[in-house]
Amino acid sequence: MTRDQALQWVNSEIGNPNLVKHILAVEAGCRRLARHFGEDEDYWGMVGLLHDIDYQKTVNDPALHTNMAADWLKEKGFDELFIYAVKAHAEHVEPKSKLDWTLYTVDPTTGLIVAAALMHPSRSLAGLDTRFLLKRFKEKRFAAGARRETIAACSNLGLTLEEFLGLVLDGMSEISDDLGL
């Protein structure tokens, strides 16, 4: 499946424009970490792009989230490593590989970064830096839905929180126009 085909699939399954932006942000973060680790950016990006493909259909039943996606992805020919990473981000299986940990940690991090951008005076990603993000990270009530313990699991990638936040911010900044930030 090409990226364009995957994006078309995302747009057909996901009706919420903000969720599509979240998906694009996760894709960008995964691509940036793949580049950092010398991995296949297109493969890691595709995992990020399709990680929530079943969200609209499973939003009211979190136990189904990613299990439905796993069936769909298998039908479309995606391999077991790809499907495992998608399931790991929703905590249905334990993250094992760098790809698993990347998707697991990038997913909530994008929410923290978007919230930080929206409250920053610049209202953009360009106004953010890792120091600002670290300060927001320490504020438990700020972007409370962005689970801090999940984000901090970036240590399983051999990265400090500061390094990790910088890489995800960098990836998201590359598509700031698509994110409206």
C-alpha atoms as a PDB file:
ATOM      1  CA  MET A   1       0.000   0.000   0.000  1.00  0.00           C
ATOM      2  CA  THR A   2       1.349   3.424  -0.875  1.00  0.00           C
ATOM      3  CA  ARG A   3       1.226   6.334   1.547  1.00  0.00           C
ATOM      4  CA  ASP A   4      -1.392   8.044  -0.636  1.00  0.00           C
ATOM      5  CA  GLN A   5      -3.581   4.927  -0.531  1.00  0.00           C
ATOM      6  CA  ALA A   6      -3.119   4.684   3.249  1.00  0.00           C
ATOM      7  CA  LEU A   7      -4.012   8.353   3.711  1.00  0.00           C
ATOM      8  CA  GLN A   8      -7.106   7.872   1.560  1.00  0.00           C
ATOM      9  CA  TRP A   9      -8.056   4.898   3.764  1.00  0.00           C
ATOM     10  CA  VAL A  10      -7.514   6.988   6.903  1.00  0.00           C
ATOM     11  CA  ASN A  11      -9.696   9.765   5.531  1.00  0.00           C
ATOM     12  CA  SER A  12     -12.452   7.286   4.619  1.00  0.00           C
ATOM     13  CA  GLU A  13     -12.451   5.674   8.098  1.00  0.00           C
ATOM     14  CA  ILE A  14     -11.804   8.739  10.272  1.00  0.00           C
ATOM     15  CA  GLY A  15     -14.376  11.500  10.058  1.00  0.00           C
ATOM     16  CA  ASN A  16     -12.856  13.801  12.648  1.00  0.00           C
ATOM     17  CA  PRO A  17     -10.355  16.332  11.197  1.00  0.00           C
ATOM     18  CA  ASN A  18      -8.590  16.691  14.577  1.00  0.00           C
ATOM     19  CA  LEU A  19      -8.082  12.942  14.785  1.00  0.00           C
ATOM     20  CA  VAL A  20      -6.644  12.963  11.268  1.00  0.00           C
ATOM     21  CA  LYS A  21      -4.218  15.679  12.410  1.00  0.00           C
ATOM     22  CA  HIS A  22      -3.282  13.509  15.411  1.00  0.00           C
ATOM     23  CA  ILE A  23      -2.631  10.595  13.062  1.00  0.00           C
ATOM     24  CA  LEU A  24      -0.445  12.780  10.825  1.00  0.00           C
ATOM     25  CA  ALA A  25       1.462  14.034  13.872  1.00  0.00           C
ATOM     26  CA  VAL A  26       2.116  10.460  15.038  1.00  0.00           C
ATOM     27  CA  GLU A  27       3.245   9.528  11.531  1.00  0.00           C
ATOM     28  CA  ALA A  28       5.671  12.467  11.528  1.00  0.00           C
ATOM     29  CA  GLY A  29       7.031  11.578  14.969  1.00  0.00           C
ATOM     30  CA  CYS A  30       7.530   7.946  13.970  1.00  0.00           C
ATOM     31  CA  ARG A  31       9.281   8.981  10.748  1.00  0.00           C
ATOM     32  CA  ARG A  32      11.622  11.291  12.660  1.00  0.00           C
ATOM     33  CA  LEU A  33      12.544   8.589  15.167  1.00  0.00           C
ATOM     34  CA  ALA A  34      13.100   6.101  12.330  1.00  0.00           C
ATOM     35  CA  ARG A  35      15.547   8.577  10.780  1.00  0.00           C
ATOM     36  CA  HIS A  36      17.282   9.004  14.145  1.00  0.00           C
ATOM     37  CA  PHE A  37      17.684   5.235  14.564  1.00  0.00           C
ATOM     38  CA  GLY A  38      18.618   4.574  10.923  1.00  0.00           C
ATOM     39  CA  GLU A  39      15.397   2.621  10.321  1.00  0.00           C
ATOM     40  CA  ASP A  40      12.985   2.595   7.366  1.00  0.00           C
ATOM     41  CA  GLU A  41      11.150   5.929   7.577  1.00  0.00           C
ATOM     42  CA  ASP A  42       8.401   4.866   5.193  1.00  0.00           C
ATOM     43  CA  TYR A  43       7.627   1.687   7.152  1.00  0.00           C
ATOM     44  CA  TRP A  44       7.687   3.399  10.566  1.00  0.00           C
ATOM     45  CA  GLY A  45       5.679   6.307   9.145  1.00  0.00           C
ATOM     46  CA  MET A  46       3.060   3.925   7.769  1.00  0.00           C
ATOM     47  CA  VAL A  47       2.705   2.350  11.228  1.00  0.00           C
ATOM     48  CA  GLY A  48       2.067   5.834  12.637  1.00  0.00           C
ATOM     49  CA  LEU A  49      -0.349   6.671   9.835  1.00  0.00           C
ATOM     50  CA  LEU A  50      -2.467   3.548  10.359  1.00  0.00           C
ATOM     51  CA  HIS A  51      -2.194   3.108  14.140  1.00  0.00           C
ATOM     52  CA  ASP A  52      -5.713   4.455  14.825  1.00  0.00           C
ATOM     53  CA  ILE A  53      -7.422   3.285  11.629  1.00  0.00           C
ATOM     54  CA  ASP A  54     -10.236   1.624  13.594  1.00  0.00           C
ATOM     55  CA  TYR A  55     -10.672   4.391  16.186  1.00  0.00           C
ATOM     56  CA  GLN A  56     -14.018   5.726  14.937  1.00  0.00           C
ATOM     57  CA  LYS A  57     -15.526   2.234  15.011  1.00  0.00           C
ATOM     58  CA  THR A  58     -14.055   1.297  18.425  1.00  0.00           C
ATOM     59  CA  VAL A  59     -14.192   4.607  20.306  1.00  0.00           C
ATOM     60  CA  ASN A  60     -16.902   3.326  22.642  1.00  0.00           C
ATOM     61  CA  ASP A  61     -15.217  -0.043  23.207  1.00  0.00           C
ATOM     62  CA  PRO A  62     -11.477   0.426  23.938  1.00  0.00           C
ATOM     63  CA  ALA A  63     -10.987  -3.344  24.237  1.00  0.00           C
ATOM     64  CA  LEU A  64     -11.708  -3.595  20.495  1.00  0.00           C
ATOM     65  CA  HIS A  65      -9.355  -0.736  19.524  1.00  0.00           C
ATOM     66  CA  THR A  66      -6.461  -2.101  17.460  1.00  0.00           C
ATOM     67  CA  ASN A  67      -7.938  -5.600  17.456  1.00  0.00           C
ATOM     68  CA  MET A  68     -10.274  -4.600  14.640  1.00  0.00           C
ATOM     69  CA  ALA A  69      -7.381  -2.743  13.010  1.00  0.00           C
ATOM     70  CA  ALA A  70      -5.216  -5.871  13.282  1.00  0.00           C
ATOM     71  CA  ASP A  71      -7.760  -7.835  11.246  1.00  0.00           C
ATOM     72  CA  TRP A  72      -8.018  -5.089   8.640  1.00  0.00           C
ATOM     73  CA  LEU A  73      -4.241  -4.715   8.379  1.00  0.00           C
ATOM     74  CA  LYS A  74      -3.755  -8.464   8.029  1.00  0.00           C
ATOM     75  CA  GLU A  75      -6.355  -8.558   5.226  1.00  0.00           C
ATOM     76  CA  LYS A  76      -4.424  -5.810   3.444  1.00  0.00           C
ATOM     77  CA  GLY A  77      -1.157  -7.746   3.702  1.00  0.00           C
ATOM     78  CA  PHE A  78       0.667  -5.908   6.496  1.00  0.00           C
ATOM     79  CA  ASP A  79       3.180  -8.058   8.362  1.00  0.00           C
ATOM     80  CA  GLU A  80       3.063  -9.250  11.964  1.00  0.00           C
ATOM     81  CA  LEU A  81       5.694  -6.736  13.210  1.00  0.00           C
ATOM     82  CA  PHE A  82       3.572  -3.876  11.856  1.00  0.00           C
ATOM     83  CA  ILE A  83       0.399  -5.257  13.431  1.00  0.00           C
ATOM     84  CA  TYR A  84       2.157  -5.970  16.735  1.00  0.00           C
ATOM     85  CA  ALA A  85       3.326  -2.343  17.000  1.00  0.00           C
ATOM     86  CA  VAL A  86      -0.224  -1.095  16.373  1.00  0.00           C
ATOM     87  CA  LYS A  87      -1.561  -3.388  19.112  1.00  0.00           C
ATOM     88  CA  ALA A  88       1.254  -2.418  21.504  1.00  0.00           C
ATOM     89  CA  HIS A  89       0.395   1.283  21.320  1.00  0.00           C
ATOM     90  CA  ALA A  90      -3.009   0.470  22.841  1.00  0.00           C
ATOM     91  CA  GLU A  91      -1.442  -1.772  25.490  1.00  0.00           C
ATOM     92  CA  HIS A  92      -3.018  -4.958  24.120  1.00  0.00           C
ATOM     93  CA  VAL A  93       0.459  -6.492  23.892  1.00  0.00           C
ATOM     94  CA  GLU A  94       3.722  -5.530  25.601  1.00  0.00           C
ATOM     95  CA  PRO A  95       6.016  -3.265  23.525  1.00  0.00           C
ATOM     96  CA  LYS A  96       9.214  -5.142  22.616  1.00  0.00           C
ATOM     97  CA  SER A  97      10.961  -3.587  19.613  1.00  0.00           C
ATOM     98  CA  LYS A  98      12.151  -0.036  18.968  1.00  0.00           C
ATOM     99  CA  LEU A  99       9.213   0.363  16.605  1.00  0.00           C
ATOM    100  CA  ASP A 100       6.759  -0.763  19.319  1.00  0.00           C
ATOM    101  CA  TRP A 101       8.235   1.614  21.892  1.00  0.00           C
ATOM    102  CA  THR A 102       8.314   4.437  19.356  1.00  0.00           C
ATOM    103  CA  LEU A 103       4.620   4.222  18.500  1.00  0.00           C
ATOM    104  CA  TYR A 104       3.707   3.643  22.153  1.00  0.00           C
ATOM    105  CA  THR A 105       5.528   6.782  23.313  1.00  0.00           C
ATOM    106  CA  VAL A 106       4.979   9.063  20.311  1.00  0.00           C
ATOM    107  CA  ASP A 107       1.182   8.665  20.412  1.00  0.00           C
ATOM    108  CA  PRO A 108       0.581  10.597  23.687  1.00  0.00           C
ATOM    109  CA  THR A 109       3.547  12.901  23.092  1.00  0.00           C
ATOM    110  CA  THR A 110       1.876  14.468  20.072  1.00  0.00           C
ATOM    111  CA  GLY A 111      -1.034  15.523  22.295  1.00  0.00           C
ATOM    112  CA  LEU A 112       1.322  17.161  24.781  1.00  0.00           C
ATOM    113  CA  ILE A 113       3.107  19.012  21.981  1.00  0.00           C
ATOM    114  CA  VAL A 114      -0.121  20.196  20.327  1.00  0.00           C
ATOM    115  CA  ALA A 115      -1.464  21.437  23.668  1.00  0.00           C
ATOM    116  CA  ALA A 116       1.823  23.251  24.340  1.00  0.00           C
ATOM    117  CA  ALA A 117       1.712  24.894  20.913  1.00  0.00           C
ATOM    118  CA  LEU A 118      -1.872  26.049  21.406  1.00  0.00           C
ATOM    119  CA  MET A 119      -1.116  27.674  24.767  1.00  0.00           C
ATOM    120  CA  HIS A 120       2.191  29.204  23.663  1.00  0.00           C
ATOM    121  CA  PRO A 121       1.989  32.907  22.720  1.00  0.00           C
ATOM    122  CA  SER A 122       3.040  32.018  19.152  1.00  0.00           C
ATOM    123  CA  ARG A 123       0.291  29.351  18.868  1.00  0.00           C
ATOM    124  CA  SER A 124       2.686  27.392  16.672  1.00  0.00           C
ATOM    125  CA  LEU A 125       5.236  24.608  16.766  1.00  0.00           C
ATOM    126  CA  ALA A 126       7.883  27.107  15.674  1.00  0.00           C
ATOM    127  CA  GLY A 127       7.611  28.849  19.043  1.00  0.00           C
ATOM    128  CA  LEU A 128       8.322  25.685  21.032  1.00  0.00           C
ATOM    129  CA  ASP A 129      11.579  24.249  22.287  1.00  0.00           C
ATOM    130  CA  THR A 130      12.398  21.281  24.493  1.00  0.00           C
ATOM    131  CA  ARG A 131      12.806  23.462  27.579  1.00  0.00           C
ATOM    132  CA  PHE A 132       9.245  24.720  27.191  1.00  0.00           C
ATOM    133  CA  LEU A 133       7.963  21.179  26.617  1.00  0.00           C
ATOM    134  CA  LEU A 134       9.798  19.819  29.658  1.00  0.00           C
ATOM    135  CA  LYS A 135       8.236  22.531  31.799  1.00  0.00           C
ATOM    136  CA  ARG A 136       4.740  21.625  30.513  1.00  0.00           C
ATOM    137  CA  PHE A 137       5.502  17.913  30.984  1.00  0.00           C
ATOM    138  CA  LYS A 138       6.133  18.505  34.690  1.00  0.00           C
ATOM    139  CA  GLU A 139       2.750  20.232  35.108  1.00  0.00           C
ATOM    140  CA  LYS A 140       0.474  17.267  35.815  1.00  0.00           C
ATOM    141  CA  ARG A 141      -2.733  19.170  35.095  1.00  0.00           C
ATOM    142  CA  PHE A 142      -1.468  20.451  31.744  1.00  0.00           C
ATOM    143  CA  ALA A 143      -2.658  18.178  28.898  1.00  0.00           C
ATOM    144  CA  ALA A 144      -3.676  15.648  31.538  1.00  0.00           C
ATOM    145  CA  GLY A 145      -4.709  13.116  28.893  1.00  0.00           C
ATOM    146  CA  ALA A 146      -1.110  12.861  27.673  1.00  0.00           C
ATOM    147  CA  ARG A 147      -0.012  10.077  30.005  1.00  0.00           C
ATOM    148  CA  ARG A 148       3.347  11.073  31.463  1.00  0.00           C
ATOM    149  CA  GLU A 149       4.394   7.502  32.354  1.00  0.00           C
ATOM    150  CA  THR A 150       3.834   6.434  28.733  1.00  0.00           C
ATOM    151  CA  ILE A 151       5.837   9.375  27.389  1.00  0.00           C
ATOM    152  CA  ALA A 152       8.631   8.715  29.917  1.00  0.00           C
ATOM    153  CA  ALA A 153       8.870   5.157  28.561  1.00  0.00           C
ATOM    154  CA  CYS A 154      11.018   6.741  25.827  1.00  0.00           C
ATOM    155  CA  SER A 155      13.870   5.581  28.079  1.00  0.00           C
ATOM    156  CA  ASN A 156      13.237   2.137  26.536  1.00  0.00           C
ATOM    157  CA  LEU A 157      14.529   3.678  23.311  1.00  0.00           C
ATOM    158  CA  GLY A 158      17.754   4.769  25.001  1.00  0.00           C
ATOM    159  CA  LEU A 159      16.687   8.413  24.820  1.00  0.00           C
ATOM    160  CA  THR A 160      16.373  10.996  27.529  1.00  0.00           C
ATOM    161  CA  LEU A 161      13.027  12.738  27.791  1.00  0.00           C
ATOM    162  CA  GLU A 162      14.613  15.913  26.443  1.00  0.00           C
ATOM    163  CA  GLU A 163      16.082  14.113  23.406  1.00  0.00           C
ATOM    164  CA  PHE A 164      12.824  12.326  22.729  1.00  0.00           C
ATOM    165  CA  LEU A 165      10.646  15.444  22.972  1.00  0.00           C
ATOM    166  CA  GLY A 166      13.069  17.256  20.666  1.00  0.00           C
ATOM    167  CA  LEU A 167      12.877  14.525  18.031  1.00  0.00           C
ATOM    168  CA  VAL A 168       9.073  14.335  18.071  1.00  0.00           C
ATOM    169  CA  LEU A 169       8.815  18.136  17.972  1.00  0.00           C
ATOM    170  CA  ASP A 170      11.239  18.169  15.037  1.00  0.00           C
ATOM    171  CA  GLY A 171       9.160  15.600  13.143  1.00  0.00           C
ATOM    172  CA  MET A 172       5.916  17.441  13.777  1.00  0.00           C
ATOM    173  CA  SER A 173       7.512  20.759  12.801  1.00  0.00           C
ATOM    174  CA  GLU A 174       8.305  19.276   9.383  1.00  0.00           C
ATOM    175  CA  ILE A 175       4.536  19.062   8.716  1.00  0.00           C
ATOM    176  CA  SER A 176       3.394  22.100  10.728  1.00  0.00           C
ATOM    177  CA  ASP A 177       1.263  23.382   7.839  1.00  0.00           C
ATOM    178  CA  ASP A 178      -0.649  20.088   7.665  1.00  0.00           C
ATOM    179  CA  LEU A 179      -1.218  20.286  11.419  1.00  0.00           C
ATOM    180  CA  GLY A 180      -2.308  23.933  11.297  1.00  0.00           C
ATOM    181  CA  LEU A 181       0.434  24.792  13.772  1.00  0.00           C
END
